[in-house]
Amino acid sequence: MPKKNTWICMIVYYFIFYGISLNIMKQMIAISLGMLAFRMYYEKQNTKGVLLSISALLFHQTAFVVFLMYPLYEIYKKICKFIMV
């Protein structure tokens, strides 16, 4: 196979598939860090949870949902306590 065709194939791969696969990889890392942050919130280690949430946000924008998890979790706990009483 001539070198010219090899370069063309590599350029096509980089422009079509490589960006998508990196985006998915970054999103999965952010989800993993977000789940770990939620576990830290659950174990009352809020400082570690916030740091993990910020690091997840640095990997991907969709990790912003992690910041909403903790307040929603606290509201959920208060509602469950109110219903149980």
C-alpha atoms as a PDB file:
ATOM      1  CA  MET A   1       0.000   0.000   0.000  1.00  0.00           C
ATOM      2  CA  PRO A   2       1.462   3.378  -0.934  1.00  0.00           C
ATOM      3  CA  LYS A   3       2.210   5.881   1.819  1.00  0.00           C
ATOM      4  CA  LYS A   4      -0.185   8.428   0.358  1.00  0.00           C
ATOM      5  CA  ASN A   5      -3.194   6.165   0.921  1.00  0.00           C
ATOM      6  CA  THR A   6      -2.092   5.390   4.474  1.00  0.00           C
ATOM      7  CA  TRP A   7      -2.041   9.080   5.385  1.00  0.00           C
ATOM      8  CA  ILE A   8      -5.441   9.635   3.815  1.00  0.00           C
ATOM      9  CA  CYS A   9      -6.889   6.749   5.818  1.00  0.00           C
ATOM     10  CA  MET A  10      -5.385   8.077   9.030  1.00  0.00           C
ATOM     11  CA  ILE A  11      -6.718  11.585   8.414  1.00  0.00           C
ATOM     12  CA  VAL A  12     -10.207  10.236   7.706  1.00  0.00           C
ATOM     13  CA  TYR A  13     -10.101   8.163  10.906  1.00  0.00           C
ATOM     14  CA  TYR A  14      -8.953  11.108  13.035  1.00  0.00           C
ATOM     15  CA  PHE A  15     -11.586  13.467  11.696  1.00  0.00           C
ATOM     16  CA  ILE A  16     -14.503  11.035  11.795  1.00  0.00           C
ATOM     17  CA  PHE A  17     -14.011   8.598  14.675  1.00  0.00           C
ATOM     18  CA  TYR A  18     -11.227   9.770  16.974  1.00  0.00           C
ATOM     19  CA  GLY A  19     -13.002  12.871  18.339  1.00  0.00           C
ATOM     20  CA  ILE A  20     -16.157  10.920  19.127  1.00  0.00           C
ATOM     21  CA  SER A  21     -14.280   8.202  20.991  1.00  0.00           C
ATOM     22  CA  LEU A  22     -12.375  10.760  23.083  1.00  0.00           C
ATOM     23  CA  ASN A  23     -15.609  12.544  23.963  1.00  0.00           C
ATOM     24  CA  ILE A  24     -17.167   9.297  25.158  1.00  0.00           C
ATOM     25  CA  MET A  25     -14.059   8.471  27.175  1.00  0.00           C
ATOM     26  CA  LYS A  26     -14.071  11.890  28.877  1.00  0.00           C
ATOM     27  CA  GLN A  27     -17.761  11.543  29.665  1.00  0.00           C
ATOM     28  CA  MET A  28     -17.272   8.119  31.266  1.00  0.00           C
ATOM     29  CA  ILE A  29     -14.423   9.449  33.436  1.00  0.00           C
ATOM     30  CA  ALA A  30     -16.663  12.325  34.535  1.00  0.00           C
ATOM     31  CA  ILE A  31     -19.489   9.906  35.388  1.00  0.00           C
ATOM     32  CA  SER A  32     -17.110   7.734  37.423  1.00  0.00           C
ATOM     33  CA  LEU A  33     -15.826  10.714  39.377  1.00  0.00           C
ATOM     34  CA  GLY A  34     -19.390  11.921  39.862  1.00  0.00           C
ATOM     35  CA  MET A  35     -20.495   8.601  41.310  1.00  0.00           C
ATOM     36  CA  LEU A  36     -17.517   8.631  43.653  1.00  0.00           C
ATOM     37  CA  ALA A  37     -18.413  12.192  44.673  1.00  0.00           C
ATOM     38  CA  PHE A  38     -21.958  11.122  45.481  1.00  0.00           C
ATOM     39  CA  ARG A  39     -20.577   8.328  47.650  1.00  0.00           C
ATOM     40  CA  MET A  40     -18.486  10.900  49.523  1.00  0.00           C
ATOM     41  CA  TYR A  41     -21.597  13.036  50.029  1.00  0.00           C
ATOM     42  CA  TYR A  42     -23.416   9.981  51.335  1.00  0.00           C
ATOM     43  CA  GLU A  43     -20.594   9.256  53.810  1.00  0.00           C
ATOM     44  CA  LYS A  44     -20.671  12.929  55.015  1.00  0.00           C
ATOM     45  CA  GLN A  45     -17.268  13.752  53.503  1.00  0.00           C
ATOM     46  CA  ASN A  46     -18.494  16.899  51.793  1.00  0.00           C
ATOM     47  CA  THR A  47     -15.076  18.426  51.086  1.00  0.00           C
ATOM     48  CA  LYS A  48     -13.936  15.375  49.151  1.00  0.00           C
ATOM     49  CA  GLY A  49     -17.288  15.262  47.395  1.00  0.00           C
ATOM     50  CA  VAL A  50     -16.996  18.859  46.228  1.00  0.00           C
ATOM     51  CA  LEU A  51     -13.428  18.321  45.023  1.00  0.00           C
ATOM     52  CA  LEU A  52     -14.447  15.219  43.095  1.00  0.00           C
ATOM     53  CA  SER A  53     -17.411  17.081  41.628  1.00  0.00           C
ATOM     54  CA  ILE A  54     -15.146  19.866  40.428  1.00  0.00           C
ATOM     55  CA  SER A  55     -12.680  17.416  38.925  1.00  0.00           C
ATOM     56  CA  ALA A  56     -15.546  15.638  37.165  1.00  0.00           C
ATOM     57  CA  LEU A  57     -16.690  18.971  35.788  1.00  0.00           C
ATOM     58  CA  LEU A  58     -13.190  19.594  34.443  1.00  0.00           C
ATOM     59  CA  PHE A  59     -13.452  16.398  32.397  1.00  0.00           C
ATOM     60  CA  HIS A  60     -16.901  16.984  30.885  1.00  0.00           C
ATOM     61  CA  GLN A  61     -19.681  19.573  31.073  1.00  0.00           C
ATOM     62  CA  THR A  62     -22.413  17.049  31.752  1.00  0.00           C
ATOM     63  CA  ALA A  63     -20.916  16.477  35.208  1.00  0.00           C
ATOM     64  CA  PHE A  64     -22.759  19.620  36.293  1.00  0.00           C
ATOM     65  CA  VAL A  65     -25.569  17.246  37.259  1.00  0.00           C
ATOM     66  CA  VAL A  66     -23.307  15.983  40.059  1.00  0.00           C
ATOM     67  CA  PHE A  67     -23.549  19.392  41.737  1.00  0.00           C
ATOM     68  CA  LEU A  68     -27.319  19.002  41.785  1.00  0.00           C
ATOM     69  CA  MET A  69     -27.177  15.522  43.338  1.00  0.00           C
ATOM     70  CA  TYR A  70     -26.206  16.614  46.837  1.00  0.00           C
ATOM     71  CA  PRO A  71     -28.970  19.215  47.380  1.00  0.00           C
ATOM     72  CA  LEU A  72     -31.548  16.866  45.866  1.00  0.00           C
ATOM     73  CA  TYR A  73     -30.321  14.065  48.112  1.00  0.00           C
ATOM     74  CA  GLU A  74     -30.662  16.282  51.203  1.00  0.00           C
ATOM     75  CA  ILE A  75     -34.196  17.279  50.170  1.00  0.00           C
ATOM     76  CA  TYR A  76     -35.039  13.615  49.626  1.00  0.00           C
ATOM     77  CA  LYS A  77     -33.797  12.720  53.131  1.00  0.00           C
ATOM     78  CA  LYS A  78     -35.908  15.494  54.698  1.00  0.00           C
ATOM     79  CA  ILE A  79     -39.017  14.375  52.834  1.00  0.00           C
ATOM     80  CA  CYS A  80     -38.493  10.759  53.892  1.00  0.00           C
ATOM     81  CA  LYS A  81     -38.070  11.825  57.539  1.00  0.00           C
ATOM     82  CA  PHE A  82     -41.237  13.895  57.308  1.00  0.00           C
ATOM     83  CA  ILE A  83     -43.230  11.010  55.829  1.00  0.00           C
ATOM     84  CA  MET A  84     -41.931   8.522  58.416  1.00  0.00           C
ATOM     85  CA  VAL A  85     -43.015  10.711  61.356  1.00  0.00           C
END
